[in-house]
C-alpha atoms as a PDB file:
ATOM      1  CA  UNK A   1      17.157-113.151  51.290  1.00  0.00           C
ATOM      2  CA  UNK A   2      13.909-111.242  50.884  1.00  0.00           C
ATOM      3  CA  UNK A   3      13.651-107.861  49.213  1.00  0.00           C
ATOM      4  CA  UNK A   4      13.056-106.224  52.598  1.00  0.00           C
ATOM      5  CA  UNK A   5      16.105-107.936  54.123  1.00  0.00           C
ATOM      6  CA  UNK A   6      18.186-106.898  51.117  1.00  0.00           C
ATOM      7  CA  UNK A   7      17.024-103.283  51.460  1.00  0.00           C
ATOM      8  CA  UNK A   8      17.856-103.343  55.177  1.00  0.00           C
ATOM      9  CA  UNK A   9      21.318-104.772  54.477  1.00  0.00           C
ATOM     10  CA  UNK A  10      21.960-102.165  51.777  1.00  0.00           C
ATOM     11  CA  UNK A  11      20.856 -99.390  54.138  1.00  0.00           C
ATOM     12  CA  UNK A  12      23.177-100.674  56.875  1.00  0.00           C
ATOM     13  CA  UNK A  13      26.075-100.712  54.420  1.00  0.00           C
ATOM     14  CA  UNK A  14      25.240 -97.196  53.225  1.00  0.00           C
ATOM     15  CA  UNK A  15      25.029 -95.964  56.834  1.00  0.00           C
ATOM     16  CA  UNK A  16      28.401 -97.566  57.617  1.00  0.00           C
ATOM     17  CA  UNK A  17      29.982 -95.875  54.597  1.00  0.00           C
ATOM     18  CA  UNK A  18      28.563 -92.506  55.642  1.00  0.00           C
ATOM     19  CA  UNK A  19      29.805 -93.017  59.203  1.00  0.00           C
ATOM     20  CA  UNK A  20      33.289 -93.935  57.971  1.00  0.00           C
ATOM     21  CA  UNK A  21      33.356 -90.792  55.826  1.00  0.00           C
ATOM     22  CA  UNK A  22      32.220 -88.633  58.746  1.00  0.00           C
ATOM     23  CA  UNK A  23      34.874 -90.111  61.027  1.00  0.00           C
ATOM     24  CA  UNK A  24      37.542 -89.409  58.418  1.00  0.00           C
ATOM     25  CA  UNK A  25      36.314 -85.816  58.084  1.00  0.00           C
ATOM     26  CA  UNK A  26      35.913 -84.946  61.755  1.00  0.00           C
ATOM     27  CA  UNK A  27      38.226 -87.247  63.681  1.00  0.00           C
ATOM     28  CA  UNK A  28      41.603 -85.883  64.683  1.00  0.00           C
ATOM     29  CA  UNK A  29      44.582 -87.472  62.986  1.00  0.00           C
ATOM     30  CA  UNK A  30      47.852 -88.165  64.755  1.00  0.00           C
ATOM     31  CA  UNK A  31      50.757 -86.908  62.682  1.00  0.00           C
ATOM     32  CA  UNK A  32      53.981 -88.798  62.215  1.00  0.00           C
ATOM     33  CA  UNK A  33      57.194 -86.876  62.824  1.00  0.00           C
ATOM     34  CA  UNK A  34      57.632 -86.464  59.073  1.00  0.00           C
ATOM     35  CA  UNK A  35      54.085 -85.143  58.657  1.00  0.00           C
ATOM     36  CA  UNK A  36      54.561 -82.785  61.596  1.00  0.00           C
ATOM     37  CA  UNK A  37      57.743 -81.388  60.037  1.00  0.00           C
ATOM     38  CA  UNK A  38      55.976 -80.820  56.713  1.00  0.00           C
ATOM     39  CA  UNK A  39      53.068 -79.073  58.451  1.00  0.00           C
ATOM     40  CA  UNK A  40      55.451 -76.800  60.354  1.00  0.00           C
ATOM     41  CA  UNK A  41      57.270 -75.960  57.113  1.00  0.00           C
ATOM     42  CA  UNK A  42      53.945 -75.099  55.460  1.00  0.00           C
ATOM     43  CA  UNK A  43      52.919 -72.933  58.432  1.00  0.00           C
ATOM     44  CA  UNK A  44      56.188 -71.009  58.282  1.00  0.00           C
ATOM     45  CA  UNK A  45      55.945 -70.527  54.505  1.00  0.00           C
ATOM     46  CA  UNK A  46      52.363 -69.259  54.666  1.00  0.00           C
ATOM     47  CA  UNK A  47      53.174 -67.007  57.638  1.00  0.00           C
ATOM     48  CA  UNK A  48      56.028 -65.481  55.636  1.00  0.00           C
ATOM     49  CA  UNK A  49      53.688 -64.922  52.698  1.00  0.00           C
ATOM     50  CA  UNK A  50      51.076 -63.357  55.007  1.00  0.00           C
ATOM     51  CA  UNK A  51      53.710 -61.010  56.451  1.00  0.00           C
ATOM     52  CA  UNK A  52      54.800 -60.028  52.943  1.00  0.00           C
ATOM     53  CA  UNK A  53      51.192 -59.416  51.971  1.00  0.00           C
ATOM     54  CA  UNK A  54      50.611 -57.150  54.971  1.00  0.00           C
ATOM     55  CA  UNK A  55      53.872 -55.333  54.372  1.00  0.00           C
ATOM     56  CA  UNK A  56      53.156 -54.681  50.694  1.00  0.00           C
ATOM     57  CA  UNK A  57      49.456 -53.851  50.729  1.00  0.00           C
ATOM     58  CA  UNK A  58      47.293 -51.400  52.598  1.00  0.00           C
ATOM     59  CA  UNK A  59      44.729 -52.650  55.085  1.00  0.00           C
ATOM     60  CA  UNK A  60      41.560 -53.313  53.119  1.00  0.00           C
ATOM     61  CA  UNK A  61      38.803 -55.803  52.533  1.00  0.00           C
ATOM     62  CA  UNK A  62      40.952 -57.360  49.806  1.00  0.00           C
ATOM     63  CA  UNK A  63      43.884 -57.767  52.183  1.00  0.00           C
ATOM     64  CA  UNK A  64      41.597 -59.331  54.757  1.00  0.00           C
ATOM     65  CA  UNK A  65      40.181 -61.739  52.192  1.00  0.00           C
ATOM     66  CA  UNK A  66      43.700 -62.614  51.057  1.00  0.00           C
ATOM     67  CA  UNK A  67      44.669 -63.480  54.635  1.00  0.00           C
ATOM     68  CA  UNK A  68      41.509 -65.530  55.073  1.00  0.00           C
ATOM     69  CA  UNK A  69      42.307 -67.498  51.923  1.00  0.00           C
ATOM     70  CA  UNK A  70      45.840 -68.126  53.156  1.00  0.00           C
ATOM     71  CA  UNK A  71      44.317 -69.521  56.361  1.00  0.00           C
ATOM     72  CA  UNK A  72      42.030 -71.706  54.253  1.00  0.00           C
ATOM     73  CA  UNK A  73      44.957 -72.894  52.146  1.00  0.00           C
ATOM     74  CA  UNK A  74      46.903 -73.861  55.248  1.00  0.00           C
ATOM     75  CA  UNK A  75      43.914 -75.650  56.740  1.00  0.00           C
ATOM     76  CA  UNK A  76      43.404 -77.746  53.601  1.00  0.00           C
ATOM     77  CA  UNK A  77      47.108 -78.452  53.248  1.00  0.00           C
ATOM     78  CA  UNK A  78      47.335 -79.670  56.864  1.00  0.00           C
ATOM     79  CA  UNK A  79      44.232 -81.798  56.394  1.00  0.00           C
ATOM     80  CA  UNK A  80      45.717 -83.288  53.239  1.00  0.00           C
ATOM     81  CA  UNK A  81      48.971 -84.141  55.015  1.00  0.00           C
ATOM     82  CA  UNK A  82      47.094 -85.652  57.959  1.00  0.00           C
ATOM     83  CA  UNK A  83      44.744 -87.737  55.832  1.00  0.00           C
ATOM     84  CA  UNK A  84      46.953 -88.702  52.885  1.00  0.00           C
ATOM     85  CA  UNK A  85      50.547 -88.415  54.074  1.00  0.00           C
ATOM     86  CA  UNK A  86      53.478 -86.720  52.385  1.00  0.00           C
ATOM     87  CA  UNK A  87      55.574 -87.393  49.296  1.00  0.00           C
END
């Protein structure tokens, strides 16, 4: 195999790895029943925490940021369950 052919092969492999990573990041994942139940439990727990937060703090930028970070936490937790399963 020539150097040029080797470079082309390496580039194809790198492109395939990037594409596989992008598919894993942006493709929807079907949840099993067990995963779905865990996600629903997490949603309920974070909703309860968000309600407590709103009930115990005054509306403010800090409260808004706290709610945004709870949304972020839920998003990452759901993504983790979808991509890597549950214990």
